[in-house]
Amino acid sequence: MPVKTKSLDVRDDLPKATTPLRAIRNKCRDCTCDQRGEIRLCTITKCPLYPFRLGRSAARKGIGGRPPHTAASSKERAEG
């Protein structure tokens, strides 16, 4: 019978890399006992993580991503 050996690769034991926003989101999930809906309803506004609880940085609002949705642009697409 073949013997299974454990891999000698050190990287197997390391946690997967995570972004700072993902780490904050995970902390918020821990704080709310993994109730994802409660993260959005959080009332602890003095928490330093509060602005980041939804996985987005409030400081980056309006930077990157899709252009803002306007009624004119959707009308142009419909006619186009």
Protein backbone atom coordinates (compact mmCIF):
# COMPACT_ATOMS: atom_id res chain seq x y z
CA MET A 1 0.00 0.00 0.00
CA PRO A 2 1.51 3.40 -0.98
CA VAL A 3 2.29 5.78 1.84
CA LYS A 4 1.00 9.33 1.49
CA THR A 5 3.58 11.92 2.35
CA LYS A 6 2.96 15.51 3.21
CA SER A 7 4.25 18.07 0.75
CA LEU A 8 7.45 19.78 1.79
CA ASP A 9 6.39 23.03 0.15
CA VAL A 10 6.25 25.74 2.83
CA ARG A 11 3.66 27.71 0.85
CA ASP A 12 1.03 25.03 1.49
CA ASP A 13 0.68 26.18 5.10
CA LEU A 14 0.48 29.91 4.40
CA PRO A 15 -2.91 31.62 4.23
CA LYS A 16 -3.97 32.93 0.85
CA ALA A 17 -3.13 36.56 0.21
CA THR A 18 -5.96 38.95 0.88
CA THR A 19 -6.50 42.62 0.18
CA PRO A 20 -6.90 45.13 3.01
CA LEU A 21 -10.55 45.72 2.06
CA ARG A 22 -11.23 41.97 2.08
CA ALA A 23 -9.63 41.70 5.53
CA ILE A 24 -11.87 44.52 6.78
CA ARG A 25 -14.92 42.84 5.29
CA ASN A 26 -13.96 39.59 7.02
CA LYS A 27 -13.58 41.42 10.35
CA CYS A 28 -17.05 42.93 9.90
CA ARG A 29 -18.45 39.47 9.18
CA ASP A 30 -16.79 38.24 12.38
CA CYS A 31 -18.25 41.16 14.36
CA THR A 32 -21.78 40.41 13.09
CA CYS A 33 -21.51 36.63 13.66
CA ASP A 34 -21.30 36.06 9.89
CA GLN A 35 -24.67 37.74 9.26
CA ARG A 36 -23.89 39.48 5.97
CA GLY A 37 -27.06 41.56 6.00
CA GLU A 38 -26.10 43.01 9.37
CA ILE A 39 -22.92 44.51 7.90
CA ARG A 40 -24.98 46.91 5.78
CA LEU A 41 -27.19 47.72 8.79
CA CYS A 42 -24.26 48.34 11.13
CA THR A 43 -24.89 51.20 13.56
CA ILE A 44 -21.39 51.45 15.04
CA THR A 45 -20.45 54.56 13.07
CA LYS A 46 -17.51 55.33 15.39
CA CYS A 47 -15.79 52.11 14.33
CA PRO A 48 -12.68 52.97 12.28
CA LEU A 49 -13.66 50.26 9.80
CA TYR A 50 -17.20 51.59 9.26
CA PRO A 51 -16.50 53.45 5.97
CA PHE A 52 -14.91 50.32 4.51
CA ARG A 53 -17.39 47.71 5.78
CA LEU A 54 -19.01 47.12 2.39
CA GLY A 55 -15.69 46.29 0.76
CA ARG A 56 -15.19 49.71 -0.81
CA SER A 57 -13.00 52.63 0.11
CA ALA A 58 -14.96 55.83 0.67
CA ALA A 59 -11.84 57.81 -0.22
CA ARG A 60 -11.93 56.35 -3.76
CA LYS A 61 -15.55 57.27 -4.49
CA GLY A 62 -15.79 58.37 -8.11
CA ILE A 63 -12.32 57.09 -9.05
CA GLY A 64 -12.14 54.40 -11.72
CA GLY A 65 -14.88 51.92 -12.46
CA ARG A 66 -17.73 52.61 -14.83
CA PRO A 67 -18.74 56.11 -15.81
CA PRO A 68 -21.80 57.42 -13.96
CA HIS A 69 -25.12 56.25 -15.38
CA THR A 70 -27.17 59.00 -16.99
CA ALA A 71 -30.59 58.92 -18.62
CA ALA A 72 -29.15 60.42 -21.81
CA SER A 73 -26.58 57.65 -22.26
CA SER A 74 -29.17 54.89 -21.87
CA LYS A 75 -31.46 56.67 -24.34
CA GLU A 76 -28.61 56.91 -26.87
CA ARG A 77 -27.95 53.18 -26.54
CA ALA A 78 -31.61 52.36 -27.09
CA GLU A 79 -31.71 54.45 -30.28
CA GLY A 80 -28.26 53.35 -31.51
